[in-house]
Amino acid sequence: MLEKPKTQLASIIYFDYDKADISNKAAKTLTSHADYLVKHPTKKVRLEGHADERGNVKYNATLGKNRAVAAAKHLHQQGVKAEQMLVTSLGENKPVDKGTSEKSYASNRRVELKPIDK
């Protein structure tokens, strides 16, 4: 069973439309994850990049990957080893909200951080 940190960490960071830049809020979340992963070097995390459905499938897959890579770079800069991270993109394939409002789109522009069990 994966050991959980003493405090519950947010497991999702969000992005602006058509961007893969890490916001200040996302950086704080990632830094909390980095602190945990550095203290627990045998733990691993999957970074799943997502996009809203605007744009074509290939573009959204690339954008999702760029978002996950940006999150991984931030974690790496905080001391997390590359072998502790798996980067993947799901593009527009797994929306959390299938609506067509800006609120729906915003909830789908994300990277989910998921623990990898050994």
N, C-alpha and C. Protein backbone atom coordinates (compact mmCIF):
# COMPACT_ATOMS: atom_id res chain seq x y z
N MET A 1 0.84 -1.19 0.00
CA MET A 1 0.00 0.00 0.00
C MET A 1 0.88 1.24 0.00
N LEU A 2 0.50 2.23 -0.77
CA LEU A 2 1.26 3.46 -0.88
C LEU A 2 1.10 4.27 0.40
N GLU A 3 2.23 4.65 0.97
CA GLU A 3 2.21 5.48 2.18
C GLU A 3 1.71 6.86 1.79
N LYS A 4 0.76 7.38 2.53
CA LYS A 4 0.22 8.69 2.23
C LYS A 4 0.94 9.75 3.04
N PRO A 5 1.11 10.94 2.46
CA PRO A 5 1.72 12.01 3.23
C PRO A 5 0.84 12.38 4.41
N LYS A 6 1.43 12.99 5.42
CA LYS A 6 0.67 13.36 6.61
C LYS A 6 -0.44 14.34 6.29
N THR A 7 -0.20 15.23 5.34
CA THR A 7 -1.24 16.15 4.90
C THR A 7 -1.68 15.74 3.51
N GLN A 8 -2.95 15.90 3.23
CA GLN A 8 -3.48 15.53 1.93
C GLN A 8 -3.02 16.55 0.89
N LEU A 9 -2.34 16.09 -0.13
CA LEU A 9 -1.87 16.97 -1.18
C LEU A 9 -2.89 17.03 -2.31
N ALA A 10 -3.02 18.22 -2.88
CA ALA A 10 -3.87 18.34 -4.07
C ALA A 10 -3.28 17.48 -5.16
N SER A 11 -4.11 16.80 -5.90
CA SER A 11 -3.59 15.88 -6.90
C SER A 11 -3.84 16.37 -8.33
N ILE A 12 -4.32 17.59 -8.47
CA ILE A 12 -4.60 18.15 -9.80
C ILE A 12 -4.09 19.59 -9.84
N ILE A 13 -3.43 19.93 -10.94
CA ILE A 13 -3.10 21.32 -11.19
C ILE A 13 -3.77 21.72 -12.50
N TYR A 14 -4.10 23.00 -12.62
CA TYR A 14 -4.86 23.49 -13.77
C TYR A 14 -4.05 24.48 -14.60
N PHE A 15 -4.46 24.63 -15.86
CA PHE A 15 -3.75 25.47 -16.82
C PHE A 15 -4.71 26.42 -17.51
N ASP A 16 -4.16 27.53 -17.98
CA ASP A 16 -4.93 28.47 -18.79
C ASP A 16 -5.13 27.88 -20.19
N TYR A 17 -6.08 28.43 -20.90
CA TYR A 17 -6.38 27.98 -22.26
C TYR A 17 -5.13 28.04 -23.14
N ASP A 18 -4.86 26.93 -23.82
CA ASP A 18 -3.78 26.83 -24.80
C ASP A 18 -2.40 27.07 -24.20
N LYS A 19 -2.23 26.83 -22.90
CA LYS A 19 -0.96 27.08 -22.21
C LYS A 19 -0.49 25.83 -21.48
N ALA A 20 0.84 25.79 -21.29
CA ALA A 20 1.44 24.72 -20.49
C ALA A 20 2.34 25.33 -19.41
N ASP A 21 2.13 26.62 -19.12
CA ASP A 21 2.92 27.30 -18.09
C ASP A 21 2.39 26.95 -16.70
N ILE A 22 3.32 26.77 -15.77
CA ILE A 22 2.96 26.46 -14.39
C ILE A 22 2.61 27.76 -13.67
N SER A 23 1.39 27.86 -13.16
CA SER A 23 0.96 29.04 -12.42
C SER A 23 1.58 29.03 -11.02
N ASN A 24 1.49 30.14 -10.33
CA ASN A 24 2.00 30.21 -8.95
C ASN A 24 1.28 29.20 -8.05
N LYS A 25 -0.02 29.08 -8.22
CA LYS A 25 -0.79 28.13 -7.41
C LYS A 25 -0.36 26.70 -7.71
N ALA A 26 -0.18 26.38 -8.99
CA ALA A 26 0.27 25.03 -9.38
C ALA A 26 1.67 24.77 -8.85
N ALA A 27 2.54 25.78 -8.89
CA ALA A 27 3.91 25.62 -8.40
C ALA A 27 3.91 25.26 -6.92
N LYS A 28 3.04 25.87 -6.14
CA LYS A 28 2.95 25.55 -4.71
C LYS A 28 2.53 24.10 -4.50
N THR A 29 1.54 23.66 -5.28
CA THR A 29 1.08 22.28 -5.20
C THR A 29 2.21 21.32 -5.57
N LEU A 30 2.89 21.62 -6.67
CA LEU A 30 3.98 20.75 -7.13
C LEU A 30 5.13 20.72 -6.13
N THR A 31 5.43 21.85 -5.52
CA THR A 31 6.50 21.90 -4.53
C THR A 31 6.16 21.03 -3.33
N SER A 32 4.90 21.01 -2.93
CA SER A 32 4.49 20.12 -1.83
C SER A 32 4.70 18.66 -2.22
N HIS A 33 4.35 18.31 -3.44
CA HIS A 33 4.58 16.94 -3.92
C HIS A 33 6.07 16.64 -3.99
N ALA A 34 6.85 17.61 -4.46
CA ALA A 34 8.30 17.42 -4.55
C ALA A 34 8.89 17.16 -3.17
N ASP A 35 8.48 17.92 -2.18
CA ASP A 35 8.99 17.71 -0.81
C ASP A 35 8.74 16.28 -0.37
N TYR A 36 7.53 15.79 -0.63
CA TYR A 36 7.18 14.42 -0.25
C TYR A 36 8.03 13.41 -1.01
N LEU A 37 8.14 13.59 -2.34
CA LEU A 37 8.87 12.62 -3.15
C LEU A 37 10.37 12.61 -2.84
N VAL A 38 10.93 13.75 -2.53
CA VAL A 38 12.35 13.81 -2.17
C VAL A 38 12.58 13.06 -0.86
N LYS A 39 11.65 13.20 0.08
CA LYS A 39 11.77 12.50 1.37
C LYS A 39 11.48 11.01 1.25
N HIS A 40 10.81 10.61 0.18
CA HIS A 40 10.44 9.21 -0.06
C HIS A 40 10.91 8.80 -1.46
N PRO A 41 12.21 8.61 -1.63
CA PRO A 41 12.76 8.38 -2.98
C PRO A 41 12.32 7.09 -3.66
N THR A 42 11.66 6.18 -2.94
CA THR A 42 11.16 4.97 -3.59
C THR A 42 9.74 5.16 -4.14
N LYS A 43 9.11 6.26 -3.81
CA LYS A 43 7.76 6.54 -4.31
C LYS A 43 7.83 7.11 -5.72
N LYS A 44 6.79 6.80 -6.50
CA LYS A 44 6.73 7.26 -7.89
C LYS A 44 5.37 7.89 -8.16
N VAL A 45 5.35 8.77 -9.15
CA VAL A 45 4.12 9.46 -9.51
C VAL A 45 3.96 9.47 -11.03
N ARG A 46 2.71 9.30 -11.46
CA ARG A 46 2.36 9.42 -12.88
C ARG A 46 1.77 10.82 -13.06
N LEU A 47 2.27 11.54 -14.06
CA LEU A 47 1.77 12.87 -14.38
C LEU A 47 0.97 12.75 -15.67
N GLU A 48 -0.36 12.83 -15.55
CA GLU A 48 -1.25 12.66 -16.69
C GLU A 48 -1.71 14.03 -17.19
N GLY A 49 -1.27 14.38 -18.39
CA GLY A 49 -1.65 15.66 -18.98
C GLY A 49 -2.96 15.56 -19.73
N HIS A 50 -3.80 16.59 -19.57
CA HIS A 50 -5.12 16.63 -20.21
C HIS A 50 -5.33 17.97 -20.89
N ALA A 51 -6.24 17.99 -21.85
CA ALA A 51 -6.64 19.21 -22.55
C ALA A 51 -8.16 19.20 -22.71
N ASP A 52 -8.72 20.39 -22.95
CA ASP A 52 -10.15 20.41 -23.28
C ASP A 52 -10.30 19.99 -24.74
N GLU A 53 -11.53 19.85 -25.21
CA GLU A 53 -11.74 19.29 -26.54
C GLU A 53 -11.61 20.30 -27.68
N ARG A 54 -11.33 21.55 -27.36
CA ARG A 54 -11.09 22.51 -28.43
C ARG A 54 -9.73 22.20 -29.06
N GLY A 55 -9.64 22.26 -30.35
CA GLY A 55 -8.42 21.87 -31.05
C GLY A 55 -8.56 20.44 -31.54
N ASN A 56 -7.66 20.02 -32.44
CA ASN A 56 -7.77 18.67 -32.96
C ASN A 56 -7.11 17.66 -32.01
N VAL A 57 -7.33 16.39 -32.26
CA VAL A 57 -6.88 15.33 -31.36
C VAL A 57 -5.36 15.36 -31.19
N LYS A 58 -4.63 15.50 -32.30
CA LYS A 58 -3.16 15.52 -32.22
C LYS A 58 -2.66 16.72 -31.42
N TYR A 59 -3.24 17.89 -31.68
CA TYR A 59 -2.85 19.09 -30.95
C TYR A 59 -3.10 18.92 -29.45
N ASN A 60 -4.25 18.39 -29.10
CA ASN A 60 -4.60 18.23 -27.69
C ASN A 60 -3.72 17.20 -27.00
N ALA A 61 -3.33 16.15 -27.71
CA ALA A 61 -2.41 15.16 -27.15
C ALA A 61 -1.05 15.80 -26.87
N THR A 62 -0.60 16.64 -27.80
CA THR A 62 0.68 17.33 -27.61
C THR A 62 0.59 18.33 -26.46
N LEU A 63 -0.50 19.07 -26.39
CA LEU A 63 -0.69 20.04 -25.30
C LEU A 63 -0.73 19.33 -23.95
N GLY A 64 -1.44 18.21 -23.88
CA GLY A 64 -1.47 17.44 -22.63
C GLY A 64 -0.08 16.98 -22.23
N LYS A 65 0.70 16.52 -23.21
CA LYS A 65 2.07 16.09 -22.93
C LYS A 65 2.92 17.27 -22.46
N ASN A 66 2.80 18.41 -23.12
CA ASN A 66 3.57 19.58 -22.71
C ASN A 66 3.24 20.01 -21.29
N ARG A 67 1.99 19.89 -20.90
CA ARG A 67 1.60 20.23 -19.53
C ARG A 67 2.21 19.25 -18.53
N ALA A 68 2.17 17.97 -18.85
CA ALA A 68 2.76 16.96 -17.96
C ALA A 68 4.27 17.14 -17.86
N VAL A 69 4.91 17.45 -18.99
CA VAL A 69 6.36 17.67 -18.99
C VAL A 69 6.71 18.90 -18.16
N ALA A 70 5.92 19.96 -18.27
CA ALA A 70 6.17 21.16 -17.47
C ALA A 70 6.08 20.85 -15.98
N ALA A 71 5.10 20.04 -15.60
CA ALA A 71 4.97 19.65 -14.19
C ALA A 71 6.17 18.81 -13.76
N ALA A 72 6.59 17.89 -14.62
CA ALA A 72 7.75 17.04 -14.31
C ALA A 72 9.02 17.88 -14.16
N LYS A 73 9.20 18.86 -15.03
CA LYS A 73 10.37 19.74 -14.94
C LYS A 73 10.38 20.49 -13.61
N HIS A 74 9.21 20.97 -13.20
CA HIS A 74 9.13 21.68 -11.92
C HIS A 74 9.52 20.74 -10.77
N LEU A 75 8.98 19.54 -10.78
CA LEU A 75 9.31 18.57 -9.74
C LEU A 75 10.81 18.25 -9.76
N HIS A 76 11.37 18.08 -10.94
CA HIS A 76 12.79 17.76 -11.07
C HIS A 76 13.66 18.91 -10.54
N GLN A 77 13.25 20.14 -10.81
CA GLN A 77 13.99 21.30 -10.30
C GLN A 77 13.96 21.37 -8.77
N GLN A 78 12.96 20.72 -8.18
CA GLN A 78 12.84 20.69 -6.72
C GLN A 78 13.54 19.48 -6.12
N GLY A 79 14.20 18.68 -6.95
CA GLY A 79 14.99 17.56 -6.45
C GLY A 79 14.42 16.18 -6.68
N VAL A 80 13.27 16.08 -7.32
CA VAL A 80 12.67 14.77 -7.59
C VAL A 80 13.46 14.10 -8.72
N LYS A 81 13.78 12.84 -8.54
CA LYS A 81 14.54 12.09 -9.55
C LYS A 81 13.65 11.76 -10.74
N ALA A 82 14.24 11.79 -11.92
CA ALA A 82 13.49 11.50 -13.15
C ALA A 82 12.84 10.12 -13.07
N GLU A 83 13.52 9.15 -12.46
CA GLU A 83 12.97 7.79 -12.40
C GLU A 83 11.77 7.67 -11.45
N GLN A 84 11.48 8.73 -10.71
CA GLN A 84 10.30 8.73 -9.84
C GLN A 84 9.05 9.21 -10.58
N MET A 85 9.20 9.63 -11.84
CA MET A 85 8.09 10.23 -12.56
C MET A 85 7.84 9.52 -13.88
N LEU A 86 6.58 9.38 -14.21
CA LEU A 86 6.15 8.86 -15.51
C LEU A 86 5.24 9.92 -16.12
N VAL A 87 5.59 10.39 -17.30
CA VAL A 87 4.82 11.44 -17.97
C VAL A 87 3.99 10.81 -19.08
N THR A 88 2.72 11.17 -19.11
CA THR A 88 1.83 10.66 -20.15
C THR A 88 0.80 11.74 -20.51
N SER A 89 0.24 11.62 -21.69
CA SER A 89 -0.81 12.54 -22.12
C SER A 89 -2.05 11.75 -22.49
N LEU A 90 -3.17 12.22 -22.01
CA LEU A 90 -4.46 11.65 -22.40
C LEU A 90 -5.23 12.63 -23.28
N GLY A 91 -4.59 13.78 -23.57
CA GLY A 91 -5.22 14.76 -24.44
C GLY A 91 -6.62 15.12 -23.98
N GLU A 92 -7.56 15.01 -24.91
CA GLU A 92 -8.96 15.34 -24.61
C GLU A 92 -9.79 14.10 -24.26
N ASN A 93 -9.15 12.95 -24.13
CA ASN A 93 -9.87 11.68 -24.03
C ASN A 93 -10.56 11.40 -22.70
N LYS A 94 -10.18 12.06 -21.63
CA LYS A 94 -10.80 11.79 -20.33
C LYS A 94 -11.23 13.09 -19.66
N PRO A 95 -12.25 13.75 -20.20
CA PRO A 95 -12.70 14.99 -19.56
C PRO A 95 -13.39 14.70 -18.23
N VAL A 96 -13.21 15.61 -17.29
CA VAL A 96 -13.94 15.47 -16.03
C VAL A 96 -15.31 16.15 -16.14
N ASP A 97 -15.44 17.05 -17.11
CA ASP A 97 -16.69 17.76 -17.33
C ASP A 97 -16.92 17.83 -18.84
N LYS A 98 -17.99 17.23 -19.32
CA LYS A 98 -18.26 17.18 -20.76
C LYS A 98 -19.09 18.37 -21.25
N GLY A 99 -19.25 19.37 -20.40
CA GLY A 99 -20.01 20.55 -20.79
C GLY A 99 -19.27 21.39 -21.81
N THR A 100 -19.94 22.44 -22.29
CA THR A 100 -19.33 23.31 -23.30
C THR A 100 -19.16 24.74 -22.81
N SER A 101 -19.19 24.94 -21.51
CA SER A 101 -18.97 26.28 -20.95
C SER A 101 -17.48 26.46 -20.64
N GLU A 102 -17.07 27.70 -20.44
CA GLU A 102 -15.68 27.96 -20.09
C GLU A 102 -15.31 27.26 -18.77
N LYS A 103 -16.24 27.18 -17.84
CA LYS A 103 -15.99 26.48 -16.57
C LYS A 103 -15.70 25.00 -16.84
N SER A 104 -16.46 24.40 -17.74
CA SER A 104 -16.23 23.00 -18.10
C SER A 104 -14.87 22.82 -18.75
N TYR A 105 -14.57 23.69 -19.70
CA TYR A 105 -13.28 23.61 -20.39
C TYR A 105 -12.13 23.76 -19.39
N ALA A 106 -12.26 24.72 -18.48
CA ALA A 106 -11.18 24.99 -17.51
C ALA A 106 -10.91 23.78 -16.63
N SER A 107 -11.95 23.03 -16.27
CA SER A 107 -11.75 21.86 -15.41
C SER A 107 -11.05 20.72 -16.14
N ASN A 108 -11.05 20.76 -17.47
CA ASN A 108 -10.41 19.71 -18.26
C ASN A 108 -8.96 20.03 -18.63
N ARG A 109 -8.54 21.26 -18.43
CA ARG A 109 -7.14 21.67 -18.72
C ARG A 109 -6.32 21.43 -17.47
N ARG A 110 -5.71 20.23 -17.37
CA ARG A 110 -5.12 19.86 -16.10
C ARG A 110 -4.00 18.83 -16.26
N VAL A 111 -3.26 18.67 -15.16
CA VAL A 111 -2.36 17.53 -14.98
C VAL A 111 -2.79 16.87 -13.68
N GLU A 112 -3.03 15.58 -13.74
CA GLU A 112 -3.35 14.81 -12.54
C GLU A 112 -2.09 14.09 -12.08
N LEU A 113 -1.83 14.17 -10.80
CA LEU A 113 -0.68 13.49 -10.19
C LEU A 113 -1.23 12.25 -9.50
N LYS A 114 -0.79 11.09 -9.95
CA LYS A 114 -1.30 9.83 -9.41
C LYS A 114 -0.15 8.97 -8.93
N PRO A 115 -0.25 8.46 -7.71
CA PRO A 115 0.82 7.58 -7.21
C PRO A 115 0.88 6.29 -8.03
N ILE A 116 2.08 5.81 -8.22
CA ILE A 116 2.29 4.54 -8.90
C ILE A 116 2.63 3.51 -7.84
N ASP A 117 1.79 2.51 -7.71
CA ASP A 117 2.04 1.44 -6.75
C ASP A 117 3.06 0.49 -7.34
N LYS A 118 3.90 -0.04 -6.48
CA LYS A 118 4.91 -1.01 -6.93
C LYS A 118 4.36 -2.40 -6.89
